[in-house]
N, C-alpha and C. Protein backbone atom coordinates (compact mmCIF):
# COMPACT_ATOMS: atom_id res chain seq x y z
N UNK A 1 0.86 -1.17 0.00
CA UNK A 1 0.00 0.00 0.00
C UNK A 1 0.91 1.24 0.00
N UNK A 2 0.66 2.10 -0.94
CA UNK A 2 1.47 3.31 -1.03
C UNK A 2 0.82 4.44 -0.25
N UNK A 3 1.60 5.45 -0.03
CA UNK A 3 1.09 6.62 0.68
C UNK A 3 -0.01 7.30 -0.14
N UNK A 4 0.17 7.40 -1.43
CA UNK A 4 -0.83 8.04 -2.30
C UNK A 4 -2.15 7.27 -2.28
N UNK A 5 -2.10 5.95 -2.25
CA UNK A 5 -3.32 5.14 -2.19
C UNK A 5 -4.08 5.43 -0.90
N UNK A 6 -3.38 5.53 0.20
CA UNK A 6 -4.01 5.81 1.49
C UNK A 6 -4.69 7.18 1.46
N UNK A 7 -3.98 8.19 0.95
CA UNK A 7 -4.54 9.54 0.89
C UNK A 7 -5.76 9.57 -0.03
N UNK A 8 -5.65 8.94 -1.20
CA UNK A 8 -6.77 8.91 -2.14
C UNK A 8 -7.99 8.21 -1.54
N UNK A 9 -7.77 7.11 -0.84
CA UNK A 9 -8.87 6.39 -0.19
C UNK A 9 -9.52 7.24 0.89
N UNK A 10 -8.72 7.92 1.69
CA UNK A 10 -9.26 8.76 2.76
C UNK A 10 -10.09 9.91 2.18
N UNK A 11 -9.58 10.57 1.15
CA UNK A 11 -10.32 11.67 0.54
C UNK A 11 -11.60 11.17 -0.13
N UNK A 12 -11.55 10.01 -0.76
CA UNK A 12 -12.73 9.46 -1.42
C UNK A 12 -13.81 9.12 -0.40
N UNK A 13 -13.44 8.46 0.68
CA UNK A 13 -14.42 8.12 1.71
C UNK A 13 -15.00 9.37 2.37
N UNK A 14 -14.17 10.36 2.60
CA UNK A 14 -14.65 11.61 3.19
C UNK A 14 -15.63 12.30 2.26
N UNK A 15 -15.30 12.35 0.97
CA UNK A 15 -16.18 12.98 -0.01
C UNK A 15 -17.51 12.24 -0.10
N UNK A 16 -17.47 10.93 -0.13
CA UNK A 16 -18.72 10.15 -0.19
C UNK A 16 -19.57 10.36 1.06
N UNK A 17 -18.93 10.43 2.21
CA UNK A 17 -19.67 10.64 3.45
C UNK A 17 -20.35 12.01 3.45
N UNK A 18 -19.63 13.03 3.06
CA UNK A 18 -20.19 14.38 3.04
C UNK A 18 -21.32 14.48 2.02
N UNK A 19 -21.13 13.92 0.83
CA UNK A 19 -22.20 13.94 -0.18
C UNK A 19 -23.42 13.16 0.28
N UNK A 20 -23.21 12.07 0.99
CA UNK A 20 -24.33 11.30 1.53
C UNK A 20 -25.12 12.10 2.55
N UNK A 21 -24.42 12.81 3.42
CA UNK A 21 -25.09 13.65 4.42
C UNK A 21 -25.87 14.79 3.77
N UNK A 22 -25.29 15.40 2.76
CA UNK A 22 -25.99 16.48 2.04
C UNK A 22 -27.25 15.94 1.38
N UNK A 23 -27.15 14.79 0.71
CA UNK A 23 -28.31 14.19 0.06
C UNK A 23 -29.39 13.81 1.07
N UNK A 24 -28.98 13.25 2.19
CA UNK A 24 -29.94 12.86 3.22
C UNK A 24 -30.68 14.07 3.76
N UNK A 25 -29.96 15.15 4.06
CA UNK A 25 -30.60 16.38 4.55
C UNK A 25 -31.55 16.96 3.52
N UNK A 26 -31.16 16.96 2.27
CA UNK A 26 -31.99 17.50 1.21
C UNK A 26 -33.29 16.69 1.07
N UNK A 27 -33.17 15.36 1.05
CA UNK A 27 -34.35 14.52 0.92
C UNK A 27 -35.25 14.61 2.16
N UNK A 28 -34.66 14.70 3.34
CA UNK A 28 -35.45 14.81 4.56
C UNK A 28 -36.19 16.15 4.60
N UNK A 29 -35.53 17.21 4.15
CA UNK A 29 -36.18 18.52 4.10
C UNK A 29 -37.39 18.51 3.17
N UNK A 30 -37.23 17.87 2.02
CA UNK A 30 -38.35 17.76 1.09
C UNK A 30 -39.51 16.98 1.71
N UNK A 31 -39.19 15.91 2.43
CA UNK A 31 -40.23 15.10 3.07
C UNK A 31 -40.96 15.90 4.14
N UNK A 32 -40.22 16.68 4.93
CA UNK A 32 -40.85 17.48 5.98
C UNK A 32 -41.75 18.55 5.38
N UNK A 33 -41.31 19.21 4.29
CA UNK A 33 -42.16 20.22 3.63
C UNK A 33 -43.42 19.58 3.06
N UNK A 34 -43.28 18.37 2.52
CA UNK A 34 -44.45 17.66 2.00
C UNK A 34 -45.43 17.34 3.13
N UNK A 35 -44.90 16.89 4.27
CA UNK A 35 -45.77 16.59 5.42
C UNK A 35 -46.48 17.84 5.92
N UNK A 36 -45.76 18.96 5.98
CA UNK A 36 -46.38 20.22 6.41
C UNK A 36 -47.48 20.63 5.44
N UNK A 37 -47.23 20.49 4.15
CA UNK A 37 -48.25 20.84 3.16
C UNK A 37 -49.49 19.97 3.32
N UNK A 38 -49.31 18.68 3.58
CA UNK A 38 -50.45 17.79 3.79
C UNK A 38 -51.23 18.17 5.04
N UNK A 39 -50.52 18.50 6.12
CA UNK A 39 -51.20 18.91 7.35
C UNK A 39 -51.97 20.21 7.15
N UNK A 40 -51.35 21.17 6.47
CA UNK A 40 -52.03 22.44 6.24
C UNK A 40 -53.23 22.25 5.31
N UNK A 41 -53.12 21.35 4.33
CA UNK A 41 -54.24 21.07 3.43
C UNK A 41 -55.39 20.41 4.16
N UNK A 42 -55.08 19.66 5.23
CA UNK A 42 -56.14 18.99 5.98
C UNK A 42 -56.79 19.91 7.01
N UNK A 43 -56.30 21.14 7.12
CA UNK A 43 -56.94 22.10 8.01
C UNK A 43 -56.12 22.48 9.21
N UNK A 44 -55.04 21.79 9.49
CA UNK A 44 -54.20 22.15 10.61
C UNK A 44 -53.34 23.34 10.24
N UNK A 45 -53.17 24.26 11.16
CA UNK A 45 -52.38 25.45 10.91
C UNK A 45 -51.27 25.55 11.95
N UNK A 46 -50.23 26.27 11.59
CA UNK A 46 -49.15 26.52 12.54
C UNK A 46 -49.60 27.55 13.55
N UNK A 47 -49.13 27.43 14.76
CA UNK A 47 -49.52 28.39 15.80
C UNK A 47 -49.02 29.79 15.49
N UNK A 48 -47.92 29.91 14.76
CA UNK A 48 -47.36 31.21 14.46
C UNK A 48 -48.12 31.92 13.34
N UNK A 49 -49.02 31.23 12.68
CA UNK A 49 -49.80 31.82 11.60
C UNK A 49 -51.07 32.43 12.16
N UNK A 50 -51.42 33.62 11.70
CA UNK A 50 -52.63 34.28 12.16
C UNK A 50 -53.86 33.50 11.71
N UNK A 51 -54.82 33.41 12.59
CA UNK A 51 -56.08 32.77 12.24
C UNK A 51 -56.84 33.68 11.30
N UNK A 52 -57.64 33.13 10.39
CA UNK A 52 -58.40 33.98 9.47
C UNK A 52 -59.34 34.91 10.24
N UNK A 53 -59.18 36.22 10.04
CA UNK A 53 -60.02 37.20 10.70
C UNK A 53 -59.72 37.42 12.16
N UNK A 54 -58.63 36.87 12.66
CA UNK A 54 -58.30 37.01 14.07
C UNK A 54 -56.89 37.48 14.28
N UNK A 55 -56.48 37.42 15.50
CA UNK A 55 -55.10 37.81 15.82
C UNK A 55 -54.24 36.55 15.93
N UNK A 56 -52.97 36.71 15.70
CA UNK A 56 -52.11 35.52 15.83
C UNK A 56 -52.08 35.02 17.27
N UNK A 57 -52.05 33.74 17.41
CA UNK A 57 -51.97 33.18 18.76
C UNK A 57 -50.55 33.30 19.28
N UNK A 58 -50.38 33.42 20.61
CA UNK A 58 -49.04 33.62 21.17
C UNK A 58 -48.12 32.45 21.03
């Protein structure tokens, strides 16, 4: 095993790990936004959103 092989392997594994984490976060974010859209479509609202014709709840 050469020194260059070790360095190349380490950089490759690090790059794959970082790209995997980025992809996972991106896909999870999309899933959470989809879930929020479904909840809001079913009538549930966020507490920080003003009620129609009313004041926002604390």
